[in-house]
All heavy atoms as atom14 arrays in JSON, in Angstrom:
{
  "sequence": "KDAKWIADVFKHDLVSGSFIPPADIRQLRDLVRYRWKLNNYI",
  "atom14_mask": [
    [1, 1, 1, 1, 1, 1, 1, 1, 1, 0, 0, 0, 0, 0],
    [1, 1, 1, 1, 1, 1, 1, 1, 0, 0, 0, 0, 0, 0],
    [1, 1, 1, 1, 1, 0, 0, 0, 0, 0, 0, 0, 0, 0],
    [1, 1, 1, 1, 1, 1, 1, 1, 1, 0, 0, 0, 0, 0],
    [1, 1, 1, 1, 1, 1, 1, 1, 1, 1, 1, 1, 1, 1],
    [1, 1, 1, 1, 1, 1, 1, 1, 0, 0, 0, 0, 0, 0],
    [1, 1, 1, 1, 1, 0, 0, 0, 0, 0, 0, 0, 0, 0],
    [1, 1, 1, 1, 1, 1, 1, 1, 0, 0, 0, 0, 0, 0],
    [1, 1, 1, 1, 1, 1, 1, 0, 0, 0, 0, 0, 0, 0],
    [1, 1, 1, 1, 1, 1, 1, 1, 1, 1, 1, 0, 0, 0],
    [1, 1, 1, 1, 1, 1, 1, 1, 1, 0, 0, 0, 0, 0],
    [1, 1, 1, 1, 1, 1, 1, 1, 1, 1, 0, 0, 0, 0],
    [1, 1, 1, 1, 1, 1, 1, 1, 0, 0, 0, 0, 0, 0],
    [1, 1, 1, 1, 1, 1, 1, 1, 0, 0, 0, 0, 0, 0],
    [1, 1, 1, 1, 1, 1, 1, 0, 0, 0, 0, 0, 0, 0],
    [1, 1, 1, 1, 1, 1, 0, 0, 0, 0, 0, 0, 0, 0],
    [1, 1, 1, 1, 0, 0, 0, 0, 0, 0, 0, 0, 0, 0],
    [1, 1, 1, 1, 1, 1, 0, 0, 0, 0, 0, 0, 0, 0],
    [1, 1, 1, 1, 1, 1, 1, 1, 1, 1, 1, 0, 0, 0],
    [1, 1, 1, 1, 1, 1, 1, 1, 0, 0, 0, 0, 0, 0],
    [1, 1, 1, 1, 1, 1, 1, 0, 0, 0, 0, 0, 0, 0],
    [1, 1, 1, 1, 1, 1, 1, 0, 0, 0, 0, 0, 0, 0],
    [1, 1, 1, 1, 1, 0, 0, 0, 0, 0, 0, 0, 0, 0],
    [1, 1, 1, 1, 1, 1, 1, 1, 0, 0, 0, 0, 0, 0],
    [1, 1, 1, 1, 1, 1, 1, 1, 0, 0, 0, 0, 0, 0],
    [1, 1, 1, 1, 1, 1, 1, 1, 1, 1, 1, 0, 0, 0],
    [1, 1, 1, 1, 1, 1, 1, 1, 1, 0, 0, 0, 0, 0],
    [1, 1, 1, 1, 1, 1, 1, 1, 0, 0, 0, 0, 0, 0],
    [1, 1, 1, 1, 1, 1, 1, 1, 1, 1, 1, 0, 0, 0],
    [1, 1, 1, 1, 1, 1, 1, 1, 0, 0, 0, 0, 0, 0],
    [1, 1, 1, 1, 1, 1, 1, 1, 0, 0, 0, 0, 0, 0],
    [1, 1, 1, 1, 1, 1, 1, 0, 0, 0, 0, 0, 0, 0],
    [1, 1, 1, 1, 1, 1, 1, 1, 1, 1, 1, 0, 0, 0],
    [1, 1, 1, 1, 1, 1, 1, 1, 1, 1, 1, 1, 0, 0],
    [1, 1, 1, 1, 1, 1, 1, 1, 1, 1, 1, 0, 0, 0],
    [1, 1, 1, 1, 1, 1, 1, 1, 1, 1, 1, 1, 1, 1],
    [1, 1, 1, 1, 1, 1, 1, 1, 1, 0, 0, 0, 0, 0],
    [1, 1, 1, 1, 1, 1, 1, 1, 0, 0, 0, 0, 0, 0],
    [1, 1, 1, 1, 1, 1, 1, 1, 0, 0, 0, 0, 0, 0],
    [1, 1, 1, 1, 1, 1, 1, 1, 0, 0, 0, 0, 0, 0],
    [1, 1, 1, 1, 1, 1, 1, 1, 1, 1, 1, 1, 0, 0],
    [1, 1, 1, 1, 1, 1, 1, 1, 0, 0, 0, 0, 0, 0]
  ],
  "atom14_positions": [
    [[10.28, -15.31, 14.12], [11.53, -15.1, 13.4], [11.36, -14.16, 12.22], [12.21, -13.39, 11.84], [12.15, -16.42, 12.92], [12.69, -17.3, 14.07], [13.28, -18.57, 13.54], [13.87, -19.37, 14.61], [14.44, -20.67, 14.13], [0.0, 0.0, 0.0], [0.0, 0.0, 0.0], [0.0, 0.0, 0.0], [0.0, 0.0, 0.0], [0.0, 0.0, 0.0]],
    [[10.17, -14.23, 11.58], [9.89, -13.32, 10.5], [9.8, -11.88, 10.96], [10.38, -11.0, 10.38], [8.54, -13.68, 9.81], [8.64, -14.87, 8.9], [9.75, -15.28, 8.62], [7.62, -15.44, 8.49], [0.0, 0.0, 0.0], [0.0, 0.0, 0.0], [0.0, 0.0, 0.0], [0.0, 0.0, 0.0], [0.0, 0.0, 0.0], [0.0, 0.0, 0.0]],
    [[9.09, -11.64, 12.14], [9.04, -10.32, 12.65], [10.42, -9.8, 13.12], [10.78, -8.67, 12.89], [8.1, -10.32, 13.9], [0.0, 0.0, 0.0], [0.0, 0.0, 0.0], [0.0, 0.0, 0.0], [0.0, 0.0, 0.0], [0.0, 0.0, 0.0], [0.0, 0.0, 0.0], [0.0, 0.0, 0.0], [0.0, 0.0, 0.0], [0.0, 0.0, 0.0]],
    [[11.2, -10.72, 13.7], [12.62, -10.34, 14.13], [13.47, -10.01, 12.89], [14.27, -9.06, 12.88], [13.25, -11.45, 14.94], [14.62, -11.17, 15.39], [15.1, -12.38, 16.23], [16.56, -12.11, 16.7], [17.5, -12.22, 15.58], [0.0, 0.0, 0.0], [0.0, 0.0, 0.0], [0.0, 0.0, 0.0], [0.0, 0.0, 0.0], [0.0, 0.0, 0.0]],
    [[13.24, -10.78, 11.85], [14.06, -10.53, 10.59], [13.71, -9.2, 9.97], [14.61, -8.44, 9.57], [13.83, -11.65, 9.64], [14.45, -11.4, 8.24], [13.8, -10.95, 7.16], [15.84, -11.56, 7.89], [14.73, -10.83, 6.11], [15.98, -11.18, 6.58], [16.97, -12.02, 8.59], [17.2, -11.26, 5.88], [18.16, -12.02, 7.93], [18.25, -11.72, 6.6]],
    [[12.4, -8.86, 9.99], [12.0, -7.6, 9.44], [12.59, -6.47, 10.28], [13.02, -5.41, 9.72], [10.45, -7.51, 9.46], [9.86, -8.49, 8.41], [9.97, -6.08, 9.06], [8.36, -8.61, 8.43], [0.0, 0.0, 0.0], [0.0, 0.0, 0.0], [0.0, 0.0, 0.0], [0.0, 0.0, 0.0], [0.0, 0.0, 0.0], [0.0, 0.0, 0.0]],
    [[12.56, -6.58, 11.61], [13.19, -5.54, 12.45], [14.62, -5.41, 12.22], [15.16, -4.28, 12.15], [12.88, -5.89, 13.91], [0.0, 0.0, 0.0], [0.0, 0.0, 0.0], [0.0, 0.0, 0.0], [0.0, 0.0, 0.0], [0.0, 0.0, 0.0], [0.0, 0.0, 0.0], [0.0, 0.0, 0.0], [0.0, 0.0, 0.0], [0.0, 0.0, 0.0]],
    [[15.35, -6.54, 12.02], [16.81, -6.47, 11.79], [17.18, -5.82, 10.48], [18.04, -4.98, 10.4], [17.39, -7.89, 11.86], [17.55, -8.49, 13.24], [17.63, -7.64, 14.17], [17.52, -9.7, 13.38], [0.0, 0.0, 0.0], [0.0, 0.0, 0.0], [0.0, 0.0, 0.0], [0.0, 0.0, 0.0], [0.0, 0.0, 0.0], [0.0, 0.0, 0.0]],
    [[16.41, -6.11, 9.43], [16.66, -5.49, 8.17], [16.26, -4.01, 8.19], [16.98, -3.12, 7.64], [15.87, -6.19, 7.09], [16.05, -5.53, 5.71], [16.29, -7.64, 6.95], [0.0, 0.0, 0.0], [0.0, 0.0, 0.0], [0.0, 0.0, 0.0], [0.0, 0.0, 0.0], [0.0, 0.0, 0.0], [0.0, 0.0, 0.0], [0.0, 0.0, 0.0]],
    [[15.17, -3.67, 8.9], [14.72, -2.34, 8.86], [15.58, -1.44, 9.75], [15.74, -0.19, 9.38], [13.25, -2.31, 9.46], [12.63, -0.96, 9.53], [12.54, -0.12, 8.44], [12.15, -0.45, 10.75], [11.98, 1.14, 8.46], [11.58, 0.85, 10.83], [11.49, 1.62, 9.7], [0.0, 0.0, 0.0], [0.0, 0.0, 0.0], [0.0, 0.0, 0.0]],
    [[16.19, -1.91, 10.83], [17.0, -1.01, 11.66], [18.26, -0.51, 10.94], [18.75, 0.56, 11.31], [17.37, -1.73, 12.95], [18.45, -2.82, 12.74], [18.77, -3.61, 14.02], [19.86, -4.67, 13.85], [20.13, -5.36, 15.11], [0.0, 0.0, 0.0], [0.0, 0.0, 0.0], [0.0, 0.0, 0.0], [0.0, 0.0, 0.0], [0.0, 0.0, 0.0]],
    [[18.68, -1.21, 9.86], [19.79, -0.69, 9.06], [19.35, 0.08, 7.85], [20.13, 0.42, 7.02], [20.63, -1.87, 8.57], [21.26, -2.69, 9.74], [22.22, -2.15, 10.48], [21.09, -3.98, 10.1], [22.56, -3.03, 11.39], [21.93, -4.14, 11.17], [0.0, 0.0, 0.0], [0.0, 0.0, 0.0], [0.0, 0.0, 0.0], [0.0, 0.0, 0.0]],
    [[18.01, 0.33, 7.78], [17.37, 1.09, 6.65], [17.67, 0.41, 5.33], [18.03, 1.01, 4.32], [17.97, 2.52, 6.61], [17.08, 3.47, 5.78], [15.86, 3.1, 5.52], [17.54, 4.51, 5.35], [0.0, 0.0, 0.0], [0.0, 0.0, 0.0], [0.0, 0.0, 0.0], [0.0, 0.0, 0.0], [0.0, 0.0, 0.0], [0.0, 0.0, 0.0]],
    [[17.45, -0.93, 5.29], [17.69, -1.66, 4.06], [16.38, -2.08, 3.35], [16.35, -2.89, 2.37], [18.42, -2.98, 4.36], [19.86, -2.77, 5.03], [20.42, -4.13, 5.29], [20.76, -2.06, 4.03], [0.0, 0.0, 0.0], [0.0, 0.0, 0.0], [0.0, 0.0, 0.0], [0.0, 0.0, 0.0], [0.0, 0.0, 0.0], [0.0, 0.0, 0.0]],
    [[15.31, -1.45, 3.81], [14.0, -1.77, 3.28], [13.45, -0.61, 2.49], [13.46, 0.52, 2.92], [12.97, -2.11, 4.36], [11.64, -2.46, 3.77], [13.49, -3.3, 5.18], [0.0, 0.0, 0.0], [0.0, 0.0, 0.0], [0.0, 0.0, 0.0], [0.0, 0.0, 0.0], [0.0, 0.0, 0.0], [0.0, 0.0, 0.0], [0.0, 0.0, 0.0]],
    [[13.01, -0.87, 1.23], [12.43, 0.19, 0.38], [10.97, 0.23, 0.66], [10.21, -0.76, 0.47], [12.69, -0.12, -1.05], [14.05, -0.15, -1.43], [0.0, 0.0, 0.0], [0.0, 0.0, 0.0], [0.0, 0.0, 0.0], [0.0, 0.0, 0.0], [0.0, 0.0, 0.0], [0.0, 0.0, 0.0], [0.0, 0.0, 0.0], [0.0, 0.0, 0.0]],
    [[10.45, 1.41, 1.15], [9.09, 1.47, 1.48], [8.2, 1.8, 0.3], [8.65, 2.37, -0.71], [0.0, 0.0, 0.0], [0.0, 0.0, 0.0], [0.0, 0.0, 0.0], [0.0, 0.0, 0.0], [0.0, 0.0, 0.0], [0.0, 0.0, 0.0], [0.0, 0.0, 0.0], [0.0, 0.0, 0.0], [0.0, 0.0, 0.0], [0.0, 0.0, 0.0]],
    [[6.97, 1.33, 0.34], [6.02, 1.61, -0.75], [5.4, 3.01, -0.52], [5.34, 3.5, 0.59], [4.96, 0.56, -0.8], [5.49, -0.72, -0.94], [0.0, 0.0, 0.0], [0.0, 0.0, 0.0], [0.0, 0.0, 0.0], [0.0, 0.0, 0.0], [0.0, 0.0, 0.0], [0.0, 0.0, 0.0], [0.0, 0.0, 0.0], [0.0, 0.0, 0.0]],
    [[4.95, 3.63, -1.64], [4.31, 4.95, -1.51], [2.87, 4.76, -1.02], [2.09, 4.07, -1.64], [4.29, 5.62, -2.87], [3.34, 6.78, -2.98], [3.51, 7.91, -2.17], [2.25, 6.73, -3.94], [2.62, 8.92, -2.26], [1.42, 7.81, -3.96], [1.56, 8.94, -3.14], [0.0, 0.0, 0.0], [0.0, 0.0, 0.0], [0.0, 0.0, 0.0]],
    [[2.61, 5.37, 0.11], [1.23, 5.29, 0.69], [0.74, 6.76, 0.8], [1.27, 7.54, 1.56], [1.25, 4.68, 2.04], [1.87, 3.28, 2.03], [-0.19, 4.57, 2.61], [1.13, 2.33, 1.18], [0.0, 0.0, 0.0], [0.0, 0.0, 0.0], [0.0, 0.0, 0.0], [0.0, 0.0, 0.0], [0.0, 0.0, 0.0], [0.0, 0.0, 0.0]],
    [[-0.28, 7.17, 0.08], [-0.79, 8.51, 0.08], [-1.55, 8.73, 1.38], [-1.85, 7.83, 2.18], [-1.77, 8.59, -1.1], [-2.15, 7.15, -1.32], [-0.99, 6.28, -0.94], [0.0, 0.0, 0.0], [0.0, 0.0, 0.0], [0.0, 0.0, 0.0], [0.0, 0.0, 0.0], [0.0, 0.0, 0.0], [0.0, 0.0, 0.0], [0.0, 0.0, 0.0]],
    [[-1.98, 10.02, 1.64], [-2.63, 10.31, 2.92], [-4.09, 9.61, 2.88], [-4.54, 9.06, 1.87], [-2.84, 11.85, 2.8], [-1.76, 12.29, 1.95], [-1.5, 11.22, 0.95], [0.0, 0.0, 0.0], [0.0, 0.0, 0.0], [0.0, 0.0, 0.0], [0.0, 0.0, 0.0], [0.0, 0.0, 0.0], [0.0, 0.0, 0.0], [0.0, 0.0, 0.0]],
    [[-4.7, 9.68, 4.04], [-5.92, 8.85, 4.23], [-7.01, 9.27, 3.27], [-7.78, 8.37, 2.76], [-6.4, 8.9, 5.67], [0.0, 0.0, 0.0], [0.0, 0.0, 0.0], [0.0, 0.0, 0.0], [0.0, 0.0, 0.0], [0.0, 0.0, 0.0], [0.0, 0.0, 0.0], [0.0, 0.0, 0.0], [0.0, 0.0, 0.0], [0.0, 0.0, 0.0]],
    [[-7.17, 10.55, 3.07], [-8.29, 11.09, 2.2], [-8.03, 10.65, 0.73], [-8.99, 10.31, -0.05], [-8.49, 12.58, 2.31], [-7.11, 13.32, 2.15], [-6.14, 12.66, 2.17], [-7.2, 14.55, 2.09], [0.0, 0.0, 0.0], [0.0, 0.0, 0.0], [0.0, 0.0, 0.0], [0.0, 0.0, 0.0], [0.0, 0.0, 0.0], [0.0, 0.0, 0.0]],
    [[-6.79, 10.68, 0.33], [-6.47, 10.21, -1.04], [-6.69, 8.7, -1.18], [-7.12, 8.24, -2.18], [-4.94, 10.58, -1.36], [-4.84, 12.11, -1.45], [-4.57, 9.91, -2.64], [-5.43, 12.77, -2.65], [0.0, 0.0, 0.0], [0.0, 0.0, 0.0], [0.0, 0.0, 0.0], [0.0, 0.0, 0.0], [0.0, 0.0, 0.0], [0.0, 0.0, 0.0]],
    [[-6.37, 7.99, -0.11], [-6.58, 6.56, -0.1], [-8.08, 6.19, -0.28], [-8.44, 5.27, -0.99], [-6.05, 5.86, 1.16], [-4.53, 5.98, 1.29], [-4.01, 4.86, 2.19], [-4.59, 4.92, 3.55], [-4.03, 5.63, 4.57], [-2.93, 6.35, 4.4], [-4.6, 5.64, 5.77], [0.0, 0.0, 0.0], [0.0, 0.0, 0.0], [0.0, 0.0, 0.0]],
    [[-8.93, 6.94, 0.37], [-10.39, 6.7, 0.21], [-10.88, 7.03, -1.23], [-11.63, 6.29, -1.84], [-11.19, 7.54, 1.23], [-10.84, 7.22, 2.7], [-11.2, 5.77, 3.04], [-12.15, 5.16, 2.47], [-10.36, 5.16, 3.86], [0.0, 0.0, 0.0], [0.0, 0.0, 0.0], [0.0, 0.0, 0.0], [0.0, 0.0, 0.0], [0.0, 0.0, 0.0]],
    [[-10.28, 8.12, -1.74], [-10.68, 8.52, -3.14], [-10.14, 7.41, -4.11], [-10.83, 7.04, -5.06], [-10.1, 9.86, -3.5], [-10.36, 10.39, -4.92], [-11.81, 10.53, -5.2], [-9.64, 11.68, -5.15], [0.0, 0.0, 0.0], [0.0, 0.0, 0.0], [0.0, 0.0, 0.0], [0.0, 0.0, 0.0], [0.0, 0.0, 0.0], [0.0, 0.0, 0.0]],
    [[-8.92, 6.97, -3.89], [-8.35, 5.91, -4.69], [-9.21, 4.6, -4.7], [-9.44, 3.99, -5.7], [-6.94, 5.56, -4.21], [-6.31, 4.36, -4.97], [-5.02, 3.93, -4.25], [-3.91, 4.81, -4.49], [-2.67, 4.57, -4.13], [-2.42, 3.49, -3.45], [-1.69, 5.39, -4.45], [0.0, 0.0, 0.0], [0.0, 0.0, 0.0], [0.0, 0.0, 0.0]],
    [[-9.69, 4.29, -3.54], [-10.56, 3.08, -3.38], [-11.82, 3.21, -4.23], [-12.25, 2.27, -4.97], [-10.9, 2.82, -1.92], [-11.6, 1.45, -1.75], [-11.01, 0.48, -2.06], [-12.71, 1.5, -1.19], [0.0, 0.0, 0.0], [0.0, 0.0, 0.0], [0.0, 0.0, 0.0], [0.0, 0.0, 0.0], [0.0, 0.0, 0.0], [0.0, 0.0, 0.0]],
    [[-12.46, 4.4, -4.22], [-13.68, 4.66, -5.01], [-13.38, 4.61, -6.53], [-14.14, 4.01, -7.29], [-14.29, 5.96, -4.61], [-14.82, 6.15, -3.21], [-15.26, 7.51, -2.89], [-15.99, 5.14, -2.93], [0.0, 0.0, 0.0], [0.0, 0.0, 0.0], [0.0, 0.0, 0.0], [0.0, 0.0, 0.0], [0.0, 0.0, 0.0], [0.0, 0.0, 0.0]],
    [[-12.27, 5.22, -6.9], [-11.95, 5.29, -8.33], [-11.55, 3.88, -8.87], [-11.98, 3.57, -9.98], [-10.73, 6.27, -8.53], [-10.14, 6.17, -9.97], [-11.15, 7.72, -8.3], [0.0, 0.0, 0.0], [0.0, 0.0, 0.0], [0.0, 0.0, 0.0], [0.0, 0.0, 0.0], [0.0, 0.0, 0.0], [0.0, 0.0, 0.0], [0.0, 0.0, 0.0]],
    [[-10.92, 3.11, -8.1], [-10.6, 1.76, -8.49], [-11.81, 0.92, -8.63], [-11.94, 0.06, -9.51], [-9.59, 1.13, -7.59], [-8.2, 1.73, -7.73], [-7.18, 1.05, -6.85], [-5.8, 1.59, -7.06], [-4.71, 1.14, -6.48], [-4.8, 0.17, -5.61], [-3.53, 1.65, -6.73], [0.0, 0.0, 0.0], [0.0, 0.0, 0.0], [0.0, 0.0, 0.0]],
    [[-12.81, 1.12, -7.75], [-14.05, 0.42, -7.79], [-14.81, 0.75, -9.11], [-15.45, -0.05, -9.7], [-14.89, 0.62, -6.57], [-16.24, -0.16, -6.6], [-16.22, -1.52, -6.79], [-17.43, 0.47, -6.37], [-17.36, -2.29, -6.8], [-18.61, -0.25, -6.38], [-18.58, -1.58, -6.61], [-19.74, -2.34, -6.65], [0.0, 0.0, 0.0], [0.0, 0.0, 0.0]],
    [[-14.79, 2.06, -9.49], [-15.38, 2.51, -10.75], [-14.75, 1.81, -11.93], [-15.35, 1.41, -12.85], [-15.28, 4.02, -10.93], [-15.75, 4.57, -12.24], [-15.66, 6.11, -12.26], [-16.09, 6.57, -13.56], [-15.34, 6.75, -14.61], [-13.99, 6.43, -14.58], [-15.84, 7.27, -15.75], [0.0, 0.0, 0.0], [0.0, 0.0, 0.0], [0.0, 0.0, 0.0]],
    [[-13.39, 1.65, -11.85], [-12.71, 0.92, -12.91], [-13.15, -0.54, -12.98], [-13.33, -1.07, -14.11], [-11.14, 0.99, -12.54], [-10.31, 0.34, -13.67], [-9.97, 0.84, -14.87], [-9.61, -0.91, -13.54], [-9.12, 0.05, -15.5], [-8.9, -1.08, -14.77], [-9.59, -1.89, -12.6], [-8.16, -2.2, -14.99], [-8.84, -3.04, -12.83], [-8.12, -3.19, -13.99]],
    [[-13.4, -1.16, -11.85], [-13.9, -2.51, -11.84], [-15.33, -2.56, -12.46], [-15.6, -3.51, -13.2], [-13.99, -3.09, -10.39], [-12.64, -3.23, -9.71], [-11.9, -4.43, -10.31], [-10.57, -4.72, -9.54], [-9.8, -5.78, -10.1], [0.0, 0.0, 0.0], [0.0, 0.0, 0.0], [0.0, 0.0, 0.0], [0.0, 0.0, 0.0], [0.0, 0.0, 0.0]],
    [[-16.17, -1.62, -12.13], [-17.54, -1.59, -12.68], [-17.48, -1.47, -14.2], [-18.26, -2.05, -14.92], [-18.35, -0.48, -12.06], [-18.83, -0.63, -10.61], [-19.6, 0.58, -10.16], [-19.59, -1.88, -10.45], [0.0, 0.0, 0.0], [0.0, 0.0, 0.0], [0.0, 0.0, 0.0], [0.0, 0.0, 0.0], [0.0, 0.0, 0.0], [0.0, 0.0, 0.0]],
    [[-16.55, -0.62, -14.69], [-16.37, -0.53, -16.18], [-16.0, -1.81, -16.77], [-16.5, -2.18, -17.84], [-15.31, 0.56, -16.44], [-15.83, 1.93, -16.46], [-17.05, 2.18, -16.76], [-15.0, 2.92, -16.1], [0.0, 0.0, 0.0], [0.0, 0.0, 0.0], [0.0, 0.0, 0.0], [0.0, 0.0, 0.0], [0.0, 0.0, 0.0], [0.0, 0.0, 0.0]],
    [[-15.14, -2.6, -16.11], [-14.73, -3.91, -16.66], [-15.93, -4.86, -16.62], [-16.09, -5.63, -17.58], [-13.62, -4.46, -15.77], [-12.29, -3.74, -15.96], [-12.15, -3.04, -16.98], [-11.41, -3.93, -15.04], [0.0, 0.0, 0.0], [0.0, 0.0, 0.0], [0.0, 0.0, 0.0], [0.0, 0.0, 0.0], [0.0, 0.0, 0.0], [0.0, 0.0, 0.0]],
    [[-16.74, -4.82, -15.6], [-17.94, -5.61, -15.59], [-18.94, -5.3, -16.68], [-19.48, -6.2, -17.33], [-18.66, -5.52, -14.21], [-17.94, -5.95, -13.01], [-18.09, -5.4, -11.75], [-16.98, -6.98, -13.11], [-17.41, -5.82, -10.67], [-16.25, -7.42, -12.01], [-16.51, -6.86, -10.74], [-15.81, -7.27, -9.7], [0.0, 0.0, 0.0], [0.0, 0.0, 0.0]],
    [[-19.04, -4.01, -16.97], [-19.94, -3.54, -18.04], [-19.46, -3.98, -19.41], [-20.19, -4.51, -20.23], [-20.14, -2.01, -17.98], [-20.89, -1.62, -16.71], [-20.91, -1.57, -19.21], [-20.95, -0.1, -16.5], [0.0, 0.0, 0.0], [0.0, 0.0, 0.0], [0.0, 0.0, 0.0], [0.0, 0.0, 0.0], [0.0, 0.0, 0.0], [0.0, 0.0, 0.0]]
  ]
}
């Protein structure tokens, strides 16, 4: 029912999508965020 509900809402374009950058930017983002975590550990 959850999957059906998502399909019903989506077919009317009532869902706001999140910003997802391209794959290479996503990999760079993952590395940069890990550096931020290391800074917090330090």
